[in-house]
């Protein structure tokens, strides 16, 4: 199918519907997992560990997810990830000990890595290059929409059912995601794709062969991921430090998330028409600038402006990690390449909050925020050096 005849609308429901529902499920349970652990007698520190196991599961699951998806295909991987998440959520619902809850959250993290790797691989294969960035930024945007709606849906259910209501909302959403995944068409094997499935390059070989990409653009993505993860801590902590109420903080966070969500399609369109650099640079520079300015804010209005700038920069980079990974991935062994790529991204996601906490403990919260913001300027320098400075239409699309 040529670029002119292809339309994202034709695959919208099977391509993006499961992602919205999967994100909704995650958004519904993330705010209540720590509360569930506390209800079962876990200490605050242990409750934090239980929540962190989702990230650990996703981090450690990237390589197995790549091998699994390469072997069984995207459609089966999506369905399997949905089923595994449902089982994990049921384990959380009926957990009577923090250890059972911890196992459930670890399983959620593992399933998440499988789901999003399969989702990304499917879109790379199904969508023409000219629409790739729009498709992947929309994928990131639909995940954001689900994560945004999830807590509100959970709040409504918890009003009647208690904490378990959040998990049942997620279970219903994941059942829907699994059903919609059945509608995902099986991809026809192109020569390059068929070869990739037959040869199945080893992960170590893939890492060595593409080391230059991983150590340049991959490091840039790692730095973006670190900022993105840290921003979720920066906003509430700095709001508290300047004396804002929890209610005001929640409202500001919601407004920031709304600004973030609005940018996903424009970002993809700019990447497709003008080049990846035109999004990578604004994303990193705006996030870096916002974080650098935040410690200078001492009242509500400046803080809101800095937070919105941070959300705008993050939203402007919607899909950038997946798009750059897609562009760099080889036709043969694409899934394996993306497994390592996602691993690098998740290392940044995991390390960002720890680096912020370490700098805060050693110096101050303001210093930790500024150091985190410096990642944006370093990432911008890497992208300026290693990304093409020409439009995609002028580049070789093979």
Protein backbone atom coordinates (compact mmCIF):
# COMPACT_ATOMS: atom_id res chain seq x y z
CA UNK A 1 0.00 0.00 0.00
CA UNK A 2 1.49 3.36 -1.03
CA UNK A 3 1.81 6.36 1.23
CA UNK A 4 -0.93 8.20 -0.63
CA UNK A 5 -3.48 5.43 -0.10
CA UNK A 6 -2.60 4.79 3.54
CA UNK A 7 -4.62 6.43 6.31
CA UNK A 8 -4.00 6.22 10.04
CA UNK A 9 -7.77 6.31 10.51
CA UNK A 10 -8.11 2.90 8.88
CA UNK A 11 -6.05 1.26 11.64
CA UNK A 12 -6.92 3.68 14.45
CA UNK A 13 -9.05 1.33 16.56
CA UNK A 14 -6.81 -1.77 16.45
CA UNK A 15 -3.62 0.32 16.59
CA UNK A 16 -4.47 2.88 19.26
CA UNK A 17 -7.56 1.55 21.06
CA UNK A 18 -5.67 -1.07 23.11
CA UNK A 19 -3.09 1.57 24.09
CA UNK A 20 -5.74 3.94 25.45
CA UNK A 21 -7.25 1.12 27.51
CA UNK A 22 -3.88 -0.19 28.68
CA UNK A 23 -2.88 3.33 29.75
CA UNK A 24 -6.25 3.79 31.47
CA UNK A 25 -5.66 0.61 33.45
CA UNK A 26 -2.19 1.72 34.52
CA UNK A 27 -3.44 5.19 35.40
CA UNK A 28 -6.23 3.72 37.51
CA UNK A 29 -4.00 1.60 39.75
CA UNK A 30 -0.76 3.58 40.05
CA UNK A 31 -2.14 6.07 42.61
CA UNK A 32 -3.55 3.33 44.88
CA UNK A 33 -0.87 0.61 44.94
CA UNK A 34 1.03 2.27 47.78
CA UNK A 35 -2.23 2.72 49.70
CA UNK A 36 -3.04 -0.97 49.21
CA UNK A 37 0.36 -1.94 50.54
CA UNK A 38 -0.11 0.28 53.59
CA UNK A 39 -3.53 -1.30 54.24
CA UNK A 40 -1.82 -4.69 54.35
CA UNK A 41 0.63 -3.52 56.99
CA UNK A 42 3.59 -2.47 54.85
CA UNK A 43 5.77 0.39 56.08
CA UNK A 44 5.92 3.58 53.96
CA UNK A 45 9.35 2.51 52.66
CA UNK A 46 8.10 -0.95 51.76
CA UNK A 47 5.04 0.57 50.05
CA UNK A 48 7.40 2.63 47.90
CA UNK A 49 9.33 -0.50 46.96
CA UNK A 50 6.10 -2.25 45.92
CA UNK A 51 5.26 0.65 43.58
CA UNK A 52 8.84 0.73 42.23
CA UNK A 53 8.55 -2.93 41.20
CA UNK A 54 6.43 -1.86 38.22
CA UNK A 55 9.39 0.08 36.84
CA UNK A 56 11.78 -2.74 37.72
CA UNK A 57 9.55 -5.25 35.94
CA UNK A 58 9.42 -3.07 32.83
CA UNK A 59 13.19 -2.52 32.91
CA UNK A 60 14.11 -6.19 33.28
CA UNK A 61 11.38 -7.31 30.90
CA UNK A 62 12.58 -5.43 27.81
CA UNK A 63 15.01 -8.05 26.52
CA UNK A 64 12.68 -11.03 27.16
CA UNK A 65 9.85 -8.99 25.60
CA UNK A 66 11.91 -8.48 22.45
CA UNK A 67 12.72 -12.18 22.17
CA UNK A 68 9.11 -13.18 22.82
CA UNK A 69 7.61 -10.69 20.37
CA UNK A 70 10.12 -11.69 17.70
CA UNK A 71 9.15 -15.33 18.14
CA UNK A 72 5.34 -15.17 18.39
CA UNK A 73 4.51 -11.92 16.57
CA UNK A 74 3.00 -8.61 17.63
CA UNK A 75 -0.67 -9.65 17.78
CA UNK A 76 -0.14 -12.65 20.05
CA UNK A 77 2.24 -10.63 22.23
CA UNK A 78 -0.39 -7.91 22.71
CA UNK A 79 -3.06 -10.43 23.68
CA UNK A 80 -0.66 -12.27 25.99
CA UNK A 81 0.42 -9.04 27.70
CA UNK A 82 -3.23 -8.10 28.29
CA UNK A 83 -3.97 -11.52 29.82
CA UNK A 84 -0.87 -11.38 32.03
CA UNK A 85 -1.87 -7.93 33.29
CA UNK A 86 -5.39 -9.12 34.10
CA UNK A 87 -3.95 -12.03 36.11
CA UNK A 88 -1.61 -9.59 37.91
CA UNK A 89 -4.49 -7.24 38.73
CA UNK A 90 -6.59 -10.10 40.10
CA UNK A 91 -3.63 -11.05 42.27
CA UNK A 92 -3.56 -7.46 43.58
CA UNK A 93 -7.32 -7.48 44.26
CA UNK A 94 -7.19 -10.68 46.31
CA UNK A 95 -3.79 -10.06 47.91
CA UNK A 96 -3.72 -10.53 51.69
CA UNK A 97 0.00 -9.81 52.15
CA UNK A 98 2.33 -7.15 50.72
CA UNK A 99 4.40 -9.92 49.07
CA UNK A 100 1.39 -10.94 46.95
CA UNK A 101 0.82 -7.32 45.97
CA UNK A 102 4.51 -6.98 45.11
CA UNK A 103 4.34 -10.01 42.83
CA UNK A 104 1.31 -8.52 41.10
CA UNK A 105 3.02 -5.17 40.49
CA UNK A 106 6.15 -6.89 39.18
CA UNK A 107 3.98 -8.83 36.73
CA UNK A 108 2.30 -5.60 35.62
CA UNK A 109 5.72 -4.15 34.81
CA UNK A 110 6.76 -7.23 32.84
CA UNK A 111 3.51 -7.19 30.85
CA UNK A 112 3.88 -3.47 30.16
CA UNK A 113 7.26 -3.97 28.48
CA UNK A 114 5.81 -6.70 26.24
CA UNK A 115 2.74 -4.65 25.35
CA UNK A 116 4.50 -1.45 24.34
CA UNK A 117 7.31 -3.16 22.47
CA UNK A 118 4.79 -5.16 20.43
CA UNK A 119 2.69 -2.03 19.89
CA UNK A 120 5.69 -0.06 18.63
CA UNK A 121 6.93 -2.84 16.37
CA UNK A 122 3.48 -3.26 14.82
CA UNK A 123 3.21 0.44 13.92
CA UNK A 124 6.72 0.57 12.48
CA UNK A 125 5.89 -2.32 10.15
CA UNK A 126 2.32 -1.26 9.33
CA UNK A 127 2.75 2.51 8.75
CA UNK A 128 4.66 4.08 5.81
CA UNK A 129 7.77 6.07 6.67
CA UNK A 130 6.12 9.38 5.73
CA UNK A 131 3.58 8.91 8.55
CA UNK A 132 5.81 7.10 11.02
CA UNK A 133 6.39 9.96 13.46
CA UNK A 134 2.68 10.87 13.51
CA UNK A 135 1.77 7.27 14.21
CA UNK A 136 4.29 6.86 17.03
CA UNK A 137 3.58 10.27 18.59
CA UNK A 138 -0.11 9.39 18.50
CA UNK A 139 0.77 6.13 20.23
CA UNK A 140 2.50 8.13 22.95
CA UNK A 141 -0.43 10.55 23.08
CA UNK A 142 -3.06 7.86 23.44
CA UNK A 143 -1.07 6.36 26.31
CA UNK A 144 -1.07 9.80 27.96
CA UNK A 145 -4.82 10.12 27.47
CA UNK A 146 -5.41 6.75 29.12
CA UNK A 147 -3.10 7.62 32.02
CA UNK A 148 -4.93 10.94 32.45
CA UNK A 149 -8.43 9.43 32.45
CA UNK A 150 -7.53 6.39 34.58
CA UNK A 151 -7.33 8.10 37.99
CA UNK A 152 -10.71 9.78 37.48
CA UNK A 153 -12.36 6.49 36.50
CA UNK A 154 -10.75 4.83 39.50
CA UNK A 155 -11.94 7.58 41.83
CA UNK A 156 -15.53 7.00 40.75
CA UNK A 157 -15.30 3.25 41.30
CA UNK A 158 -13.53 3.61 44.66
CA UNK A 159 -16.38 5.80 45.91
CA UNK A 160 -18.56 2.68 45.86
CA UNK A 161 -16.08 -0.20 46.19
CA UNK A 162 -13.11 1.12 48.14
CA UNK A 163 -9.52 0.63 46.96
CA UNK A 164 -10.44 -2.53 45.04
CA UNK A 165 -12.56 -0.41 42.71
CA UNK A 166 -9.42 0.96 41.06
CA UNK A 167 -8.21 -2.55 40.25
CA UNK A 168 -11.59 -3.58 38.84
CA UNK A 169 -11.59 -0.52 36.58
CA UNK A 170 -8.17 -1.61 35.33
CA UNK A 171 -9.34 -5.21 34.83
CA UNK A 172 -12.29 -4.07 32.70
CA UNK A 173 -9.97 -1.82 30.69
CA UNK A 174 -7.47 -4.64 30.11
CA UNK A 175 -10.23 -7.03 29.03
CA UNK A 176 -11.17 -4.40 26.46
CA UNK A 177 -7.54 -4.03 25.39
CA UNK A 178 -7.25 -7.79 24.93
CA UNK A 179 -10.45 -7.93 22.87
CA UNK A 180 -9.34 -5.04 20.65
CA UNK A 181 -5.97 -6.72 20.19
CA UNK A 182 -7.79 -9.54 18.38
CA UNK A 183 -8.65 -6.93 15.74
CA UNK A 184 -4.99 -6.20 15.07
CA UNK A 185 -4.27 -7.52 11.57
CA UNK A 186 -1.47 -10.01 11.10
CA UNK A 187 1.35 -8.30 9.23
CA UNK A 188 2.42 -9.64 5.88
CA UNK A 189 6.07 -10.63 5.83
CA UNK A 190 8.21 -8.41 3.65
CA UNK A 191 11.57 -9.80 2.53
CA UNK A 192 13.43 -7.82 5.18
CA UNK A 193 10.95 -8.68 7.90
CA UNK A 194 10.92 -12.34 6.96
CA UNK A 195 14.65 -12.46 7.11
CA UNK A 196 14.57 -10.82 10.52
CA UNK A 197 12.25 -13.49 11.81
CA UNK A 198 14.25 -16.33 10.33
CA UNK A 199 17.74 -15.27 11.37
CA UNK A 200 16.91 -13.97 14.86
CA UNK A 201 20.17 -12.11 15.64
CA UNK A 202 21.51 -12.49 19.15
CA UNK A 203 21.00 -9.57 21.50
CA UNK A 204 24.74 -9.29 22.27
CA UNK A 205 25.55 -9.13 18.55
CA UNK A 206 22.88 -6.47 18.06
CA UNK A 207 24.29 -4.40 20.92
CA UNK A 208 27.83 -4.50 19.49
CA UNK A 209 26.78 -3.88 15.89
CA UNK A 210 24.73 -0.80 16.77
CA UNK A 211 26.86 0.43 19.68
CA UNK A 212 27.43 3.85 18.06
CA UNK A 213 23.69 4.56 17.84
CA UNK A 214 23.07 3.36 21.38
CA UNK A 215 25.94 5.48 22.75
CA UNK A 216 24.87 8.68 20.95
CA UNK A 217 21.15 8.94 20.22
CA UNK A 218 20.44 6.28 22.84
CA UNK A 219 22.14 8.37 25.53
CA UNK A 220 20.06 11.36 24.41
CA UNK A 221 16.89 9.32 24.90
CA UNK A 222 18.17 8.12 28.29
CA UNK A 223 18.57 11.75 29.38
CA UNK A 224 15.06 12.67 28.19
CA UNK A 225 13.64 9.69 30.05
CA UNK A 226 15.45 10.75 33.22
CA UNK A 227 13.95 14.24 33.00
CA UNK A 228 10.49 12.88 32.29
CA UNK A 229 10.58 10.60 35.31
CA UNK A 230 12.02 13.29 37.58
CA UNK A 231 9.43 15.89 36.56
CA UNK A 232 6.68 13.84 38.23
CA UNK A 233 8.54 14.32 41.51
CA UNK A 234 9.83 17.84 40.89
CA UNK A 235 6.41 19.48 40.58
CA UNK A 236 4.88 18.22 43.85
CA UNK A 237 8.12 18.63 45.84
CA UNK A 238 8.75 22.20 44.71
CA UNK A 239 5.08 23.07 45.18
CA UNK A 240 5.36 21.89 48.77
CA UNK A 241 8.60 23.81 49.30
CA UNK A 242 6.92 27.12 48.35
CA UNK A 243 3.91 26.41 50.53
CA UNK A 244 1.22 25.35 48.05
CA UNK A 245 -1.57 23.09 49.27
CA UNK A 246 -1.93 19.48 48.06
CA UNK A 247 -5.15 20.47 46.27
CA UNK A 248 -3.43 23.30 44.40
CA UNK A 249 -0.55 20.98 43.53
CA UNK A 250 -2.93 18.36 42.12
CA UNK A 251 -4.69 20.99 40.00
CA UNK A 252 -1.39 22.32 38.65
CA UNK A 253 -0.26 18.80 37.84
CA UNK A 254 -3.54 18.21 36.01
CA UNK A 255 -3.17 21.38 33.96
CA UNK A 256 0.41 20.43 33.13
CA UNK A 257 -0.74 16.99 31.98
CA UNK A 258 -3.44 18.56 29.80
CA UNK A 259 -0.88 20.80 28.09
CA UNK A 260 1.32 17.73 27.63
CA UNK A 261 -1.48 15.75 25.95
CA UNK A 262 -2.41 18.49 23.49
CA UNK A 263 0.98 18.43 21.77
CA UNK A 264 1.31 14.82 20.59
CA UNK A 265 -0.13 15.14 17.06
CA UNK A 266 1.53 18.48 16.16
CA UNK A 267 4.85 17.01 17.31
CA UNK A 268 4.46 13.99 15.04
CA UNK A 269 3.46 16.13 12.07
CA UNK A 270 6.48 18.38 12.52
CA UNK A 271 8.79 15.37 12.71
CA UNK A 272 7.36 13.87 9.53
CA UNK A 273 7.43 17.10 7.52
CA UNK A 274 10.49 18.94 8.82
CA UNK A 275 12.66 16.31 10.46
CA UNK A 276 13.24 14.73 13.85
CA UNK A 277 15.64 17.48 14.94
CA UNK A 278 12.84 20.07 14.86
CA UNK A 279 11.15 18.24 17.72
CA UNK A 280 14.15 16.78 19.56
CA UNK A 281 15.74 20.19 20.13
CA UNK A 282 12.64 22.08 21.37
CA UNK A 283 11.67 19.14 23.60
CA UNK A 284 15.04 18.92 25.34
CA UNK A 285 15.75 22.66 25.50
CA UNK A 286 12.29 23.57 26.83
CA UNK A 287 12.37 20.87 29.49
CA UNK A 288 15.90 21.84 30.48
CA UNK A 289 14.96 25.54 30.64
CA UNK A 290 11.80 24.85 32.65
CA UNK A 291 13.70 22.79 35.21
CA UNK A 292 16.46 25.39 35.43
CA UNK A 293 13.89 28.13 36.08
CA UNK A 294 11.75 26.23 38.58
CA UNK A 295 14.02 26.77 41.63
CA UNK A 296 13.75 30.50 40.94
CA UNK A 297 9.97 30.46 41.38
CA UNK A 298 8.75 31.43 44.84
CA UNK A 299 5.04 32.05 44.28
CA UNK A 300 2.06 30.50 42.51
CA UNK A 301 2.06 32.28 39.13
CA UNK A 302 5.74 31.76 38.20
CA UNK A 303 5.57 28.16 39.40
CA UNK A 304 2.51 27.46 37.24
CA UNK A 305 4.24 28.98 34.21
CA UNK A 306 7.38 26.90 34.75
CA UNK A 307 5.29 23.75 35.24
CA UNK A 308 3.30 24.42 32.06
CA UNK A 309 6.52 25.03 30.12
CA UNK A 310 7.79 21.69 31.41
CA UNK A 311 4.57 19.98 30.31
CA UNK A 312 4.71 21.72 26.91
CA UNK A 313 8.29 20.57 26.34
CA UNK A 314 7.50 17.03 27.38
CA UNK A 315 4.41 16.88 25.19
CA UNK A 316 6.33 18.33 22.26
CA UNK A 317 8.60 15.30 22.50
CA UNK A 318 5.72 12.83 22.41
CA UNK A 319 6.87 9.81 20.44
CA UNK A 320 10.44 11.04 19.99
CA UNK A 321 12.01 8.03 21.73
CA UNK A 322 9.96 5.54 19.69
CA UNK A 323 10.50 7.43 16.43
CA UNK A 324 14.26 7.68 16.76
CA UNK A 325 14.39 4.02 17.73
CA UNK A 326 12.27 3.10 14.71
CA UNK A 327 14.48 5.14 12.36
CA UNK A 328 17.67 3.55 13.69
CA UNK A 329 16.35 -0.01 13.81
CA UNK A 330 17.44 -2.41 11.06
CA UNK A 331 14.83 -4.42 9.08
CA UNK A 332 16.58 -7.61 10.20
CA UNK A 333 16.38 -7.92 13.96
CA UNK A 334 14.21 -4.85 14.45
CA UNK A 335 12.44 -6.21 17.53
CA UNK A 336 15.73 -7.17 19.18
CA UNK A 337 17.14 -3.70 18.45
CA UNK A 338 14.09 -2.04 19.97
CA UNK A 339 14.30 -4.25 23.05
CA UNK A 340 17.76 -2.81 23.81
CA UNK A 341 16.57 0.68 22.88
CA UNK A 342 13.69 0.44 25.37
CA UNK A 343 16.10 -0.91 27.99
CA UNK A 344 18.25 2.21 27.63
CA UNK A 345 15.16 4.43 27.91
CA UNK A 346 13.96 2.59 31.00
CA UNK A 347 17.38 2.94 32.64
CA UNK A 348 16.91 6.70 32.34
CA UNK A 349 13.38 6.45 33.73
CA UNK A 350 14.64 4.48 36.71
CA UNK A 351 17.75 6.59 37.32
CA UNK A 352 16.16 10.05 37.04
CA UNK A 353 14.33 10.07 40.39
CA UNK A 354 17.32 8.51 42.18
CA UNK A 355 19.70 11.16 40.81
CA UNK A 356 17.28 13.90 41.85
CA UNK A 357 16.97 12.40 45.34
CA UNK A 358 20.75 12.02 45.67
CA UNK A 359 21.46 15.64 44.72
CA UNK A 360 18.69 16.82 47.04
CA UNK A 361 20.21 14.89 49.93
CA UNK A 362 23.75 16.08 49.20
CA UNK A 363 23.02 19.74 48.36
CA UNK A 364 19.40 20.89 48.10
CA UNK A 365 16.18 20.28 46.18
CA UNK A 366 16.85 23.32 43.99
CA UNK A 367 20.30 22.01 43.08
CA UNK A 368 18.84 18.59 42.26
CA UNK A 369 16.27 20.17 39.94
CA UNK A 370 18.92 22.28 38.16
CA UNK A 371 21.20 19.26 37.65
CA UNK A 372 18.26 17.33 36.23
CA UNK A 373 17.53 20.26 33.89
CA UNK A 374 21.12 20.15 32.62
CA UNK A 375 20.29 16.77 31.07
CA UNK A 376 18.11 18.63 28.57
CA UNK A 377 20.96 20.77 27.30
CA UNK A 378 23.30 17.78 27.07
CA UNK A 379 20.67 15.80 25.16
CA UNK A 380 20.13 18.75 22.81
CA UNK A 381 23.86 18.80 22.04
CA UNK A 382 23.82 15.07 21.26
CA UNK A 383 20.82 15.42 18.94
CA UNK A 384 22.31 18.47 17.18
CA UNK A 385 25.45 16.44 16.48
CA UNK A 386 23.92 13.11 15.49
CA UNK A 387 20.48 13.77 13.99
CA UNK A 388 20.10 14.70 10.29
CA UNK A 389 19.68 18.44 9.61
CA UNK A 390 17.58 17.83 6.50
CA UNK A 391 13.91 17.11 5.89
CA UNK A 392 12.82 13.46 5.74
CA UNK A 393 11.77 13.94 2.10
CA UNK A 394 15.37 14.76 1.25
CA UNK A 395 16.80 11.77 3.09
CA UNK A 396 17.25 8.23 1.95
CA UNK A 397 14.17 6.35 3.19
CA UNK A 398 15.48 2.94 2.66
